[in-house]
Amino acid sequence: MKGIDIKQVMQRRGVTLTELAASLGESQQNLSAALSRDDLKSSLIERIAKQLGVPVSYLYGEESTATVGGNGQAVAGVGNILNDGILIDEIAAQRRLTEQALSQNDRLIGIINNLTSGKK
């Protein structure tokens, strides 16, 4: 695991290097130096995951196994990041965008049908 990967997770979660360093009991300089390496110690990765409130697998970029039921609610499962809030928010946002796109598609089909029905 590279430090840049952790920096991307920190950015997505809105956590600064200063905040993370303080929560780990490290100096900002030491944490910055550690994150500039290509190979981080697993013990540091585990501590960072705990402070960020995510499973270690999340820092490695492994996808969650969360699914969405027919009512739009996230379904718990192994590896889900349901307490994260971000995953659920992303699913909800994606669902809203999909519903908007489908609605626009339906309107366009209606317009096309109206325009072509008079040309028979």
PDB file of N, CA and C in Angstrom:
ATOM      1  N   MET A   1       0.844  -1.173   0.000  1.00  0.00           N
ATOM      2  CA  MET A   1       0.000   0.000   0.000  1.00  0.00           C
ATOM      3  C   MET A   1       0.887   1.234   0.000  1.00  0.00           C
ATOM      4  N   LYS A   2       0.500   2.189  -0.810  1.00  0.00           N
ATOM      5  CA  LYS A   2       1.228   3.444  -0.910  1.00  0.00           C
ATOM      6  C   LYS A   2       0.518   4.519  -0.102  1.00  0.00           C
ATOM      7  N   GLY A   3       1.306   5.431   0.411  1.00  0.00           N
ATOM      8  CA  GLY A   3       0.757   6.528   1.191  1.00  0.00           C
ATOM      9  C   GLY A   3      -0.199   7.398   0.402  1.00  0.00           C
ATOM     10  N   ILE A   4       0.040   7.509  -0.901  1.00  0.00           N
ATOM     11  CA  ILE A   4      -0.839   8.341  -1.732  1.00  0.00           C
ATOM     12  C   ILE A   4      -2.255   7.787  -1.733  1.00  0.00           C
ATOM     13  N   ASP A   5      -2.380   6.454  -1.619  1.00  0.00           N
ATOM     14  CA  ASP A   5      -3.711   5.845  -1.563  1.00  0.00           C
ATOM     15  C   ASP A   5      -4.445   6.283  -0.296  1.00  0.00           C
ATOM     16  N   ILE A   6      -3.727   6.309   0.805  1.00  0.00           N
ATOM     17  CA  ILE A   6      -4.331   6.742   2.065  1.00  0.00           C
ATOM     18  C   ILE A   6      -4.682   8.229   1.993  1.00  0.00           C
ATOM     19  N   LYS A   7      -3.839   9.016   1.356  1.00  0.00           N
ATOM     20  CA  LYS A   7      -4.128  10.451   1.220  1.00  0.00           C
ATOM     21  C   LYS A   7      -5.421  10.667   0.437  1.00  0.00           C
ATOM     22  N   GLN A   8      -5.674   9.835  -0.568  1.00  0.00           N
ATOM     23  CA  GLN A   8      -6.908   9.952  -1.341  1.00  0.00           C
ATOM     24  C   GLN A   8      -8.121   9.619  -0.476  1.00  0.00           C
ATOM     25  N   VAL A   9      -7.996   8.588   0.356  1.00  0.00           N
ATOM     26  CA  VAL A   9      -9.087   8.234   1.265  1.00  0.00           C
ATOM     27  C   VAL A   9      -9.320   9.374   2.251  1.00  0.00           C
ATOM     28  N   MET A  10      -8.235   9.933   2.767  1.00  0.00           N
ATOM     29  CA  MET A  10      -8.360  11.055   3.704  1.00  0.00           C
ATOM     30  C   MET A  10      -9.102  12.211   3.043  1.00  0.00           C
ATOM     31  N   GLN A  11      -8.751  12.507   1.814  1.00  0.00           N
ATOM     32  CA  GLN A  11      -9.385  13.610   1.099  1.00  0.00           C
ATOM     33  C   GLN A  11     -10.871  13.347   0.920  1.00  0.00           C
ATOM     34  N   ARG A  12     -11.243  12.109   0.525  1.00  0.00           N
ATOM     35  CA  ARG A  12     -12.656  11.778   0.351  1.00  0.00           C
ATOM     36  C   ARG A  12     -13.430  11.902   1.652  1.00  0.00           C
ATOM     37  N   ARG A  13     -12.776  11.625   2.766  1.00  0.00           N
ATOM     38  CA  ARG A  13     -13.442  11.664   4.070  1.00  0.00           C
ATOM     39  C   ARG A  13     -13.331  13.038   4.727  1.00  0.00           C
ATOM     40  N   GLY A  14     -12.586  13.958   4.097  1.00  0.00           N
ATOM     41  CA  GLY A  14     -12.456  15.310   4.633  1.00  0.00           C
ATOM     42  C   GLY A  14     -11.564  15.390   5.862  1.00  0.00           C
ATOM     43  N   VAL A  15     -10.567  14.512   5.941  1.00  0.00           N
ATOM     44  CA  VAL A  15      -9.648  14.484   7.082  1.00  0.00           C
ATOM     45  C   VAL A  15      -8.304  15.053   6.636  1.00  0.00           C
ATOM     46  N   THR A  16      -7.800  16.012   7.383  1.00  0.00           N
ATOM     47  CA  THR A  16      -6.505  16.597   7.043  1.00  0.00           C
ATOM     48  C   THR A  16      -5.374  15.784   7.655  1.00  0.00           C
ATOM     49  N   LEU A  17      -4.197  15.993   7.153  1.00  0.00           N
ATOM     50  CA  LEU A  17      -3.013  15.320   7.678  1.00  0.00           C
ATOM     51  C   LEU A  17      -2.795  15.701   9.133  1.00  0.00           C
ATOM     52  N   THR A  18      -3.007  16.952   9.455  1.00  0.00           N
ATOM     53  CA  THR A  18      -2.850  17.423  10.834  1.00  0.00           C
ATOM     54  C   THR A  18      -3.828  16.716  11.763  1.00  0.00           C
ATOM     55  N   GLU A  19      -5.086  16.595  11.343  1.00  0.00           N
ATOM     56  CA  GLU A  19      -6.098  15.925  12.164  1.00  0.00           C
ATOM     57  C   GLU A  19      -5.772  14.453  12.369  1.00  0.00           C
ATOM     58  N   LEU A  20      -5.384  13.789  11.289  1.00  0.00           N
ATOM     59  CA  LEU A  20      -5.069  12.364  11.394  1.00  0.00           C
ATOM     60  C   LEU A  20      -3.846  12.146  12.272  1.00  0.00           C
ATOM     61  N   ALA A  21      -2.828  12.951  12.084  1.00  0.00           N
ATOM     62  CA  ALA A  21      -1.609  12.827  12.893  1.00  0.00           C
ATOM     63  C   ALA A  21      -1.933  13.001  14.371  1.00  0.00           C
ATOM     64  N   ALA A  22      -2.735  13.999  14.685  1.00  0.00           N
ATOM     65  CA  ALA A  22      -3.107  14.247  16.078  1.00  0.00           C
ATOM     66  C   ALA A  22      -3.877  13.071  16.662  1.00  0.00           C
ATOM     67  N   SER A  23      -4.799  12.507  15.880  1.00  0.00           N
ATOM     68  CA  SER A  23      -5.598  11.390  16.391  1.00  0.00           C
ATOM     69  C   SER A  23      -4.766  10.120  16.558  1.00  0.00           C
ATOM     70  N   LEU A  24      -3.668  10.030  15.813  1.00  0.00           N
ATOM     71  CA  LEU A  24      -2.777   8.871  15.926  1.00  0.00           C
ATOM     72  C   LEU A  24      -1.694   9.082  16.984  1.00  0.00           C
ATOM     73  N   GLY A  25      -1.591  10.313  17.490  1.00  0.00           N
ATOM     74  CA  GLY A  25      -0.533  10.621  18.444  1.00  0.00           C
ATOM     75  C   GLY A  25       0.826  10.743  17.786  1.00  0.00           C
ATOM     76  N   GLU A  26       0.813  11.115  16.522  1.00  0.00           N
ATOM     77  CA  GLU A  26       2.049  11.283  15.741  1.00  0.00           C
ATOM     78  C   GLU A  26       2.223  12.756  15.406  1.00  0.00           C
ATOM     79  N   SER A  27       3.441  13.128  15.085  1.00  0.00           N
ATOM     80  CA  SER A  27       3.636  14.489  14.586  1.00  0.00           C
ATOM     81  C   SER A  27       3.239  14.513  13.114  1.00  0.00           C
ATOM     82  N   GLN A  28       2.845  15.687  12.661  1.00  0.00           N
ATOM     83  CA  GLN A  28       2.467  15.826  11.261  1.00  0.00           C
ATOM     84  C   GLN A  28       3.638  15.478  10.350  1.00  0.00           C
ATOM     85  N   GLN A  29       4.848  15.864  10.765  1.00  0.00           N
ATOM     86  CA  GLN A  29       6.035  15.597   9.961  1.00  0.00           C
ATOM     87  C   GLN A  29       6.288  14.093   9.839  1.00  0.00           C
ATOM     88  N   ASN A  30       6.170  13.361  10.950  1.00  0.00           N
ATOM     89  CA  ASN A  30       6.402  11.911  10.900  1.00  0.00           C
ATOM     90  C   ASN A  30       5.365  11.210  10.035  1.00  0.00           C
ATOM     91  N   LEU A  31       4.097  11.603  10.185  1.00  0.00           N
ATOM     92  CA  LEU A  31       3.055  10.975   9.384  1.00  0.00           C
ATOM     93  C   LEU A  31       3.228  11.321   7.909  1.00  0.00           C
ATOM     94  N   SER A  32       3.570  12.552   7.623  1.00  0.00           N
ATOM     95  CA  SER A  32       3.801  12.961   6.241  1.00  0.00           C
ATOM     96  C   SER A  32       4.939  12.147   5.622  1.00  0.00           C
ATOM     97  N   ALA A  33       6.008  11.969   6.388  1.00  0.00           N
ATOM     98  CA  ALA A  33       7.140  11.168   5.892  1.00  0.00           C
ATOM     99  C   ALA A  33       6.717   9.722   5.660  1.00  0.00           C
ATOM    100  N   ALA A  34       5.921   9.171   6.570  1.00  0.00           N
ATOM    101  CA  ALA A  34       5.468   7.788   6.427  1.00  0.00           C
ATOM    102  C   ALA A  34       4.586   7.635   5.195  1.00  0.00           C
ATOM    103  N   LEU A  35       3.714   8.607   4.956  1.00  0.00           N
ATOM    104  CA  LEU A  35       2.803   8.526   3.813  1.00  0.00           C
ATOM    105  C   LEU A  35       3.493   8.814   2.483  1.00  0.00           C
ATOM    106  N   SER A  36       4.712   9.310   2.524  1.00  0.00           N
ATOM    107  CA  SER A  36       5.443   9.555   1.279  1.00  0.00           C
ATOM    108  C   SER A  36       6.162   8.297   0.803  1.00  0.00           C
ATOM    109  N   ARG A  37       6.159   7.257   1.630  1.00  0.00           N
ATOM    110  CA  ARG A  37       6.796   5.987   1.245  1.00  0.00           C
ATOM    111  C   ARG A  37       5.857   5.161   0.382  1.00  0.00           C
ATOM    112  N   ASP A  38       6.473   4.279  -0.408  1.00  0.00           N
ATOM    113  CA  ASP A  38       5.685   3.390  -1.260  1.00  0.00           C
ATOM    114  C   ASP A  38       5.151   2.184  -0.503  1.00  0.00           C
ATOM    115  N   ASP A  39       5.764   1.844   0.613  1.00  0.00           N
ATOM    116  CA  ASP A  39       5.343   0.657   1.348  1.00  0.00           C
ATOM    117  C   ASP A  39       5.178   1.011   2.817  1.00  0.00           C
ATOM    118  N   LEU A  40       3.925   1.062   3.261  1.00  0.00           N
ATOM    119  CA  LEU A  40       3.642   1.421   4.643  1.00  0.00           C
ATOM    120  C   LEU A  40       3.609   0.183   5.521  1.00  0.00           C
ATOM    121  N   LYS A  41       3.960   0.359   6.769  1.00  0.00           N
ATOM    122  CA  LYS A  41       3.875  -0.733   7.727  1.00  0.00           C
ATOM    123  C   LYS A  41       2.412  -1.077   7.964  1.00  0.00           C
ATOM    124  N   SER A  42       2.127  -2.366   8.064  1.00  0.00           N
ATOM    125  CA  SER A  42       0.745  -2.793   8.262  1.00  0.00           C
ATOM    126  C   SER A  42       0.179  -2.269   9.577  1.00  0.00           C
ATOM    127  N   SER A  43       1.027  -2.127  10.590  1.00  0.00           N
ATOM    128  CA  SER A  43       0.533  -1.608  11.871  1.00  0.00           C
ATOM    129  C   SER A  43       0.049  -0.168  11.728  1.00  0.00           C
ATOM    130  N   LEU A  44       0.735   0.631  10.913  1.00  0.00           N
ATOM    131  CA  LEU A  44       0.304   2.012  10.673  1.00  0.00           C
ATOM    132  C   LEU A  44      -0.991   2.016   9.869  1.00  0.00           C
ATOM    133  N   ILE A  45      -1.091   1.162   8.882  1.00  0.00           N
ATOM    134  CA  ILE A  45      -2.304   1.078   8.072  1.00  0.00           C
ATOM    135  C   ILE A  45      -3.501   0.731   8.956  1.00  0.00           C
ATOM    136  N   GLU A  46      -3.309  -0.218   9.857  1.00  0.00           N
ATOM    137  CA  GLU A  46      -4.393  -0.621  10.758  1.00  0.00           C
ATOM    138  C   GLU A  46      -4.813   0.528  11.673  1.00  0.00           C
ATOM    139  N   ARG A  47      -3.834   1.269  12.197  1.00  0.00           N
ATOM    140  CA  ARG A  47      -4.148   2.396  13.068  1.00  0.00           C
ATOM    141  C   ARG A  47      -4.893   3.486  12.310  1.00  0.00           C
ATOM    142  N   ILE A  48      -4.454   3.749  11.080  1.00  0.00           N
ATOM    143  CA  ILE A  48      -5.102   4.774  10.256  1.00  0.00           C
ATOM    144  C   ILE A  48      -6.538   4.355   9.945  1.00  0.00           C
ATOM    145  N   ALA A  49      -6.727   3.094   9.576  1.00  0.00           N
ATOM    146  CA  ALA A  49      -8.076   2.599   9.269  1.00  0.00           C
ATOM    147  C   ALA A  49      -8.991   2.784  10.471  1.00  0.00           C
ATOM    148  N   LYS A  50      -8.472   2.465  11.646  1.00  0.00           N
ATOM    149  CA  LYS A  50      -9.275   2.603  12.865  1.00  0.00           C
ATOM    150  C   LYS A  50      -9.655   4.062  13.083  1.00  0.00           C
ATOM    151  N   GLN A  51      -8.715   4.973  12.906  1.00  0.00           N
ATOM    152  CA  GLN A  51      -8.988   6.400  13.121  1.00  0.00           C
ATOM    153  C   GLN A  51      -9.953   6.958  12.080  1.00  0.00           C
ATOM    154  N   LEU A  52      -9.877   6.435  10.859  1.00  0.00           N
ATOM    155  CA  LEU A  52     -10.772   6.903   9.806  1.00  0.00           C
ATOM    156  C   LEU A  52     -12.133   6.214   9.883  1.00  0.00           C
ATOM    157  N   GLY A  53     -12.221   5.171  10.711  1.00  0.00           N
ATOM    158  CA  GLY A  53     -13.481   4.457  10.875  1.00  0.00           C
ATOM    159  C   GLY A  53     -13.848   3.592   9.692  1.00  0.00           C
ATOM    160  N   VAL A  54     -12.829   3.033   9.050  1.00  0.00           N
ATOM    161  CA  VAL A  54     -13.069   2.163   7.891  1.00  0.00           C
ATOM    162  C   VAL A  54     -12.322   0.846   8.084  1.00  0.00           C
ATOM    163  N   PRO A  55     -12.772  -0.217   7.418  1.00  0.00           N
ATOM    164  CA  PRO A  55     -12.011  -1.462   7.476  1.00  0.00           C
ATOM    165  C   PRO A  55     -10.681  -1.290   6.741  1.00  0.00           C
ATOM    166  N   VAL A  56      -9.697  -2.066   7.114  1.00  0.00           N
ATOM    167  CA  VAL A  56      -8.391  -1.997   6.449  1.00  0.00           C
ATOM    168  C   VAL A  56      -8.546  -2.239   4.951  1.00  0.00           C
ATOM    169  N   SER A  57      -9.453  -3.135   4.580  1.00  0.00           N
ATOM    170  CA  SER A  57      -9.659  -3.445   3.158  1.00  0.00           C
ATOM    171  C   SER A  57     -10.080  -2.208   2.363  1.00  0.00           C
ATOM    172  N   TYR A  58     -10.762  -1.268   3.015  1.00  0.00           N
ATOM    173  CA  TYR A  58     -11.183  -0.033   2.354  1.00  0.00           C
ATOM    174  C   TYR A  58      -9.964   0.778   1.916  1.00  0.00           C
ATOM    175  N   LEU A  59      -8.922   0.769   2.736  1.00  0.00           N
ATOM    176  CA  LEU A  59      -7.704   1.514   2.393  1.00  0.00           C
ATOM    177  C   LEU A  59      -6.972   0.878   1.219  1.00  0.00           C
ATOM    178  N   TYR A  60      -7.220  -0.395   1.002  1.00  0.00           N
ATOM    179  CA  TYR A  60      -6.611  -1.084  -0.136  1.00  0.00           C
ATOM    180  C   TYR A  60      -7.470  -0.978  -1.386  1.00  0.00           C
ATOM    181  N   GLY A  61      -8.550  -0.225  -1.284  1.00  0.00           N
ATOM    182  CA  GLY A  61      -9.396   0.002  -2.446  1.00  0.00           C
ATOM    183  C   GLY A  61     -10.371  -1.106  -2.743  1.00  0.00           C
ATOM    184  N   GLU A  62     -10.537  -2.048  -1.824  1.00  0.00           N
ATOM    185  CA  GLU A  62     -11.488  -3.119  -2.057  1.00  0.00           C
ATOM    186  C   GLU A  62     -12.885  -2.563  -1.916  1.00  0.00           C
ATOM    187  N   GLU A  63     -13.741  -2.951  -2.829  1.00  0.00           N
ATOM    188  CA  GLU A  63     -15.111  -2.463  -2.825  1.00  0.00           C
ATOM    189  C   GLU A  63     -15.905  -3.114  -1.709  1.00  0.00           C
ATOM    190  N   SER A  64     -16.844  -2.383  -1.226  1.00  0.00           N
ATOM    191  CA  SER A  64     -17.773  -2.907  -0.228  1.00  0.00           C
ATOM    192  C   SER A  64     -18.736  -3.867  -0.893  1.00  0.00           C
ATOM    193  N   THR A  65     -19.321  -4.758  -0.111  1.00  0.00           N
ATOM    194  CA  THR A  65     -20.308  -5.686  -0.645  1.00  0.00           C
ATOM    195  C   THR A  65     -21.715  -5.202  -0.374  1.00  0.00           C
ATOM    196  N   ALA A  66     -21.877  -3.921  -0.059  1.00  0.00           N
ATOM    197  CA  ALA A  66     -23.208  -3.396   0.237  1.00  0.00           C
ATOM    198  C   ALA A  66     -24.078  -3.502  -1.003  1.00  0.00           C
ATOM    199  N   THR A  67     -25.319  -3.809  -0.795  1.00  0.00           N
ATOM    200  CA  THR A  67     -26.284  -3.840  -1.879  1.00  0.00           C
ATOM    201  C   THR A  67     -27.439  -2.948  -1.483  1.00  0.00           C
ATOM    202  N   VAL A  68     -28.254  -2.634  -2.459  1.00  0.00           N
ATOM    203  CA  VAL A  68     -29.403  -1.789  -2.178  1.00  0.00           C
ATOM    204  C   VAL A  68     -30.648  -2.607  -2.437  1.00  0.00           C
ATOM    205  N   GLY A  69     -31.530  -2.635  -1.452  1.00  0.00           N
ATOM    206  CA  GLY A  69     -32.786  -3.348  -1.604  1.00  0.00           C
ATOM    207  C   GLY A  69     -33.751  -2.556  -2.459  1.00  0.00           C
ATOM    208  N   GLY A  70     -34.888  -3.155  -2.761  1.00  0.00           N
ATOM    209  CA  GLY A  70     -35.879  -2.517  -3.613  1.00  0.00           C
ATOM    210  C   GLY A  70     -36.401  -1.210  -3.037  1.00  0.00           C
ATOM    211  N   ASN A  71     -36.300  -1.023  -1.741  1.00  0.00           N
ATOM    212  CA  ASN A  71     -36.785   0.210  -1.129  1.00  0.00           C
ATOM    213  C   ASN A  71     -35.694   1.269  -1.023  1.00  0.00           C
ATOM    214  N   GLY A  72     -34.501   1.002  -1.581  1.00  0.00           N
ATOM    215  CA  GLY A  72     -33.417   1.966  -1.567  1.00  0.00           C
ATOM    216  C   GLY A  72     -32.568   1.933  -0.317  1.00  0.00           C
ATOM    217  N   GLN A  73     -32.860   1.037   0.597  1.00  0.00           N
ATOM    218  CA  GLN A  73     -32.098   0.940   1.834  1.00  0.00           C
ATOM    219  C   GLN A  73     -30.878   0.046   1.629  1.00  0.00           C
ATOM    220  N   ALA A  74     -29.753   0.435   2.216  1.00  0.00           N
ATOM    221  CA  ALA A  74     -28.555  -0.397   2.143  1.00  0.00           C
ATOM    222  C   ALA A  74     -28.780  -1.648   2.969  1.00  0.00           C
ATOM    223  N   VAL A  75     -28.257  -2.754   2.463  1.00  0.00           N
ATOM    224  CA  VAL A  75     -28.400  -4.029   3.137  1.00  0.00           C
ATOM    225  C   VAL A  75     -27.067  -4.402   3.744  1.00  0.00           C
ATOM    226  N   ALA A  76     -27.074  -4.765   5.016  1.00  0.00           N
ATOM    227  CA  ALA A  76     -25.828  -5.103   5.700  1.00  0.00           C
ATOM    228  C   ALA A  76     -25.251  -6.381   5.133  1.00  0.00           C
ATOM    229  N   GLY A  77     -23.930  -6.467   5.120  1.00  0.00           N
ATOM    230  CA  GLY A  77     -23.237  -7.657   4.666  1.00  0.00           C
ATOM    231  C   GLY A  77     -21.784  -7.566   5.055  1.00  0.00           C
ATOM    232  N   VAL A  78     -21.062  -8.630   4.878  1.00  0.00           N
ATOM    233  CA  VAL A  78     -19.655  -8.663   5.241  1.00  0.00           C
ATOM    234  C   VAL A  78     -18.896  -7.629   4.432  1.00  0.00           C
ATOM    235  N   GLY A  79     -18.118  -6.809   5.105  1.00  0.00           N
ATOM    236  CA  GLY A  79     -17.296  -5.809   4.432  1.00  0.00           C
ATOM    237  C   GLY A  79     -18.005  -4.504   4.145  1.00  0.00           C
ATOM    238  N   ASN A  80     -19.264  -4.394   4.500  1.00  0.00           N
ATOM    239  CA  ASN A  80     -19.979  -3.144   4.240  1.00  0.00           C
ATOM    240  C   ASN A  80     -19.448  -2.029   5.127  1.00  0.00           C
ATOM    241  N   ILE A  81     -19.566  -0.835   4.626  1.00  0.00           N
ATOM    242  CA  ILE A  81     -19.109   0.334   5.359  1.00  0.00           C
ATOM    243  C   ILE A  81     -20.338   1.157   5.700  1.00  0.00           C
ATOM    244  N   LEU A  82     -21.318   0.516   6.309  1.00  0.00           N
ATOM    245  CA  LEU A  82     -22.582   1.190   6.559  1.00  0.00           C
ATOM    246  C   LEU A  82     -22.449   2.327   7.549  1.00  0.00           C
ATOM    247  N   ASN A  83     -21.534   2.218   8.513  1.00  0.00           N
ATOM    248  CA  ASN A  83     -21.350   3.296   9.479  1.00  0.00           C
ATOM    249  C   ASN A  83     -20.590   4.454   8.876  1.00  0.00           C
ATOM    250  N   ASP A  84     -19.994   4.227   7.755  1.00  0.00           N
ATOM    251  CA  ASP A  84     -19.197   5.230   7.078  1.00  0.00           C
ATOM    252  C   ASP A  84     -20.062   6.406   6.654  1.00  0.00           C
ATOM    253  N   GLY A  85     -21.263   6.155   6.218  1.00  0.00           N
ATOM    254  CA  GLY A  85     -22.134   7.223   5.750  1.00  0.00           C
ATOM    255  C   GLY A  85     -21.843   7.628   4.321  1.00  0.00           C
ATOM    256  N   ILE A  86     -20.593   7.597   3.934  1.00  0.00           N
ATOM    257  CA  ILE A  86     -20.224   8.010   2.579  1.00  0.00           C
ATOM    258  C   ILE A  86     -20.788   7.040   1.563  1.00  0.00           C
ATOM    259  N   LEU A  87     -20.622   5.747   1.799  1.00  0.00           N
ATOM    260  CA  LEU A  87     -21.108   4.762   0.852  1.00  0.00           C
ATOM    261  C   LEU A  87     -22.609   4.889   0.673  1.00  0.00           C
ATOM    262  N   ILE A  88     -23.336   5.001   1.749  1.00  0.00           N
ATOM    263  CA  ILE A  88     -24.781   5.113   1.658  1.00  0.00           C
ATOM    264  C   ILE A  88     -25.163   6.403   0.946  1.00  0.00           C
ATOM    265  N   ASP A  89     -24.477   7.495   1.233  1.00  0.00           N
ATOM    266  CA  ASP A  89     -24.743   8.758   0.550  1.00  0.00           C
ATOM    267  C   ASP A  89     -24.461   8.648  -0.941  1.00  0.00           C
ATOM    268  N   GLU A  90     -23.376   7.952  -1.294  1.00  0.00           N
ATOM    269  CA  GLU A  90     -23.036   7.783  -2.705  1.00  0.00           C
ATOM    270  C   GLU A  90     -24.087   6.949  -3.420  1.00  0.00           C
ATOM    271  N   ILE A  91     -24.570   5.894  -2.768  1.00  0.00           N
ATOM    272  CA  ILE A  91     -25.607   5.054  -3.359  1.00  0.00           C
ATOM    273  C   ILE A  91     -26.879   5.874  -3.560  1.00  0.00           C
ATOM    274  N   ALA A  92     -27.250   6.642  -2.555  1.00  0.00           N
ATOM    275  CA  ALA A  92     -28.464   7.464  -2.653  1.00  0.00           C
ATOM    276  C   ALA A  92     -28.331   8.500  -3.767  1.00  0.00           C
ATOM    277  N   ALA A  93     -27.176   9.137  -3.866  1.00  0.00           N
ATOM    278  CA  ALA A  93     -26.957  10.136  -4.914  1.00  0.00           C
ATOM    279  C   ALA A  93     -27.013   9.491  -6.297  1.00  0.00           C
ATOM    280  N   GLN A  94     -26.407   8.319  -6.423  1.00  0.00           N
ATOM    281  CA  GLN A  94     -26.416   7.610  -7.698  1.00  0.00           C
ATOM    282  C   GLN A  94     -27.834   7.198  -8.073  1.00  0.00           C
ATOM    283  N   ARG A  95     -28.596   6.780  -7.077  1.00  0.00           N
ATOM    284  CA  ARG A  95     -29.989   6.389  -7.331  1.00  0.00           C
ATOM    285  C   ARG A  95     -30.802   7.591  -7.806  1.00  0.00           C
ATOM    286  N   ARG A  96     -30.612   8.746  -7.159  1.00  0.00           N
ATOM    287  CA  ARG A  96     -31.335   9.953  -7.585  1.00  0.00           C
ATOM    288  C   ARG A  96     -30.972  10.333  -9.014  1.00  0.00           C
ATOM    289  N   LEU A  97     -29.687  10.266  -9.352  1.00  0.00           N
ATOM    290  CA  LEU A  97     -29.255  10.600 -10.711  1.00  0.00           C
ATOM    291  C   LEU A  97     -29.839   9.633 -11.729  1.00  0.00           C
ATOM    292  N   THR A  98     -29.885   8.359 -11.377  1.00  0.00           N
ATOM    293  CA  THR A  98     -30.454   7.352 -12.274  1.00  0.00           C
ATOM    294  C   THR A  98     -31.936   7.615 -12.486  1.00  0.00           C
ATOM    295  N   GLU A  99     -32.660   7.920 -11.394  1.00  0.00           N
ATOM    296  CA  GLU A  99     -34.087   8.216 -11.512  1.00  0.00           C
ATOM    297  C   GLU A  99     -34.326   9.459 -12.362  1.00  0.00           C
ATOM    298  N   GLN A 100     -33.484  10.482 -12.213  1.00  0.00           N
ATOM    299  CA  GLN A 100     -33.617  11.694 -13.034  1.00  0.00           C
ATOM    300  C   GLN A 100     -33.375  11.375 -14.507  1.00  0.00           C
ATOM    301  N   ALA A 101     -32.361  10.563 -14.775  1.00  0.00           N
ATOM    302  CA  ALA A 101     -32.047  10.199 -16.159  1.00  0.00           C
ATOM    303  C   ALA A 101     -33.186   9.400 -16.777  1.00  0.00           C
ATOM    304  N   LEU A 102     -33.759   8.481 -16.021  1.00  0.00           N
ATOM    305  CA  LEU A 102     -34.877   7.686 -16.535  1.00  0.00           C
ATOM    306  C   LEU A 102     -36.089   8.568 -16.803  1.00  0.00           C
ATOM    307  N   SER A 103     -36.328   9.521 -15.934  1.00  0.00           N
ATOM    308  CA  SER A 103     -37.452  10.439 -16.112  1.00  0.00           C
ATOM    309  C   SER A 103     -37.253  11.286 -17.376  1.00  0.00           C
ATOM    310  N   GLN A 104     -36.042  11.792 -17.578  1.00  0.00           N
ATOM    311  CA  GLN A 104     -35.745  12.576 -18.775  1.00  0.00           C
ATOM    312  C   GLN A 104     -35.877  11.716 -20.024  1.00  0.00           C
ATOM    313  N   ASN A 105     -35.438  10.477 -19.922  1.00  0.00           N
ATOM    314  CA  ASN A 105     -35.545   9.548 -21.037  1.00  0.00           C
ATOM    315  C   ASN A 105     -37.011   9.325 -21.408  1.00  0.00           C
ATOM    316  N   ASP A 106     -37.859   9.125 -20.396  1.00  0.00           N
ATOM    317  CA  ASP A 106     -39.290   8.929 -20.643  1.00  0.00           C
ATOM    318  C   ASP A 106     -39.904  10.150 -21.311  1.00  0.00           C
ATOM    319  N   ARG A 107     -39.527  11.343 -20.855  1.00  0.00           N
ATOM    320  CA  ARG A 107     -40.049  12.570 -21.465  1.00  0.00           C
ATOM    321  C   ARG A 107     -39.618  12.684 -22.926  1.00  0.00           C
ATOM    322  N   LEU A 108     -38.361  12.356 -23.206  1.00  0.00           N
ATOM    323  CA  LEU A 108     -37.864  12.430 -24.582  1.00  0.00           C
ATOM    324  C   LEU A 108     -38.569  11.421 -25.486  1.00  0.00           C
ATOM    325  N   ILE A 109     -38.804  10.242 -24.970  1.00  0.00           N
ATOM    326  CA  ILE A 109     -39.525   9.231 -25.755  1.00  0.00           C
ATOM    327  C   ILE A 109     -40.934   9.727 -26.062  1.00  0.00           C
ATOM    328  N   GLY A 110     -41.580  10.351 -25.064  1.00  0.00           N
ATOM    329  CA  GLY A 110     -42.914  10.922 -25.291  1.00  0.00           C
ATOM    330  C   GLY A 110     -42.895  11.988 -26.374  1.00  0.00           C
ATOM    331  N   ILE A 111     -41.911  12.860 -26.343  1.00  0.00           N
ATOM    332  CA  ILE A 111     -41.790  13.920 -27.360  1.00  0.00           C
ATOM    333  C   ILE A 111     -41.575  13.301 -28.737  1.00  0.00           C
ATOM    334  N   ILE A 112     -40.688  12.320 -28.818  1.00  0.00           N
ATOM    335  CA  ILE A 112     -40.408  11.658 -30.102  1.00  0.00           C
ATOM    336  C   ILE A 112     -41.665  10.981 -30.626  1.00  0.00           C
ATOM    337  N   ASN A 113     -42.380  10.306 -29.736  1.00  0.00           N
ATOM    338  CA  ASN A 113     -43.622   9.630 -30.159  1.00  0.00           C
ATOM    339  C   ASN A 113     -44.638  10.639 -30.664  1.00  0.00           C
ATOM    340  N   ASN A 114     -44.762  11.781 -29.981  1.00  0.00           N
ATOM    341  CA  ASN A 114     -45.704  12.815 -30.438  1.00  0.00           C
ATOM    342  C   ASN A 114     -45.313  13.374 -31.799  1.00  0.00           C
ATOM    343  N   LEU A 115     -44.023  13.575 -32.005  1.00  0.00           N
ATOM    344  CA  LEU A 115     -43.548  14.136 -33.268  1.00  0.00           C
ATOM    345  C   LEU A 115     -43.691  13.147 -34.411  1.00  0.00           C
ATOM    346  N   THR A 116     -43.450  11.881 -34.147  1.00  0.00           N
ATOM    347  CA  THR A 116     -43.504  10.888 -35.224  1.00  0.00           C
ATOM    348  C   THR A 116     -44.904  10.362 -35.472  1.00  0.00           C
ATOM    349  N   SER A 117     -45.835  10.507 -34.520  1.00  0.00           N
ATOM    350  CA  SER A 117     -47.186   9.981 -34.720  1.00  0.00           C
ATOM    351  C   SER A 117     -47.937  10.759 -35.793  1.00  0.00           C
ATOM    352  N   GLY A 118     -47.631  11.988 -35.997  1.00  0.00           N
ATOM    353  CA  GLY A 118     -48.306  12.796 -37.014  1.00  0.00           C
ATOM    354  C   GLY A 118     -47.749  12.560 -38.403  1.00  0.00           C
ATOM    355  N   LYS A 119     -46.647  11.844 -38.556  1.00  0.00           N
ATOM    356  CA  LYS A 119     -46.004  11.671 -39.867  1.00  0.00           C
ATOM    357  C   LYS A 119     -46.351  10.336 -40.499  1.00  0.00           C
ATOM    358  N   LYS A 120     -47.299   9.599 -39.964  1.00  0.00           N
ATOM    359  CA  LYS A 120     -47.630   8.282 -40.528  1.00  0.00           C
ATOM    360  C   LYS A 120     -48.338   8.411 -41.809  1.00  0.00           C
TER     361      LYS A 120
END
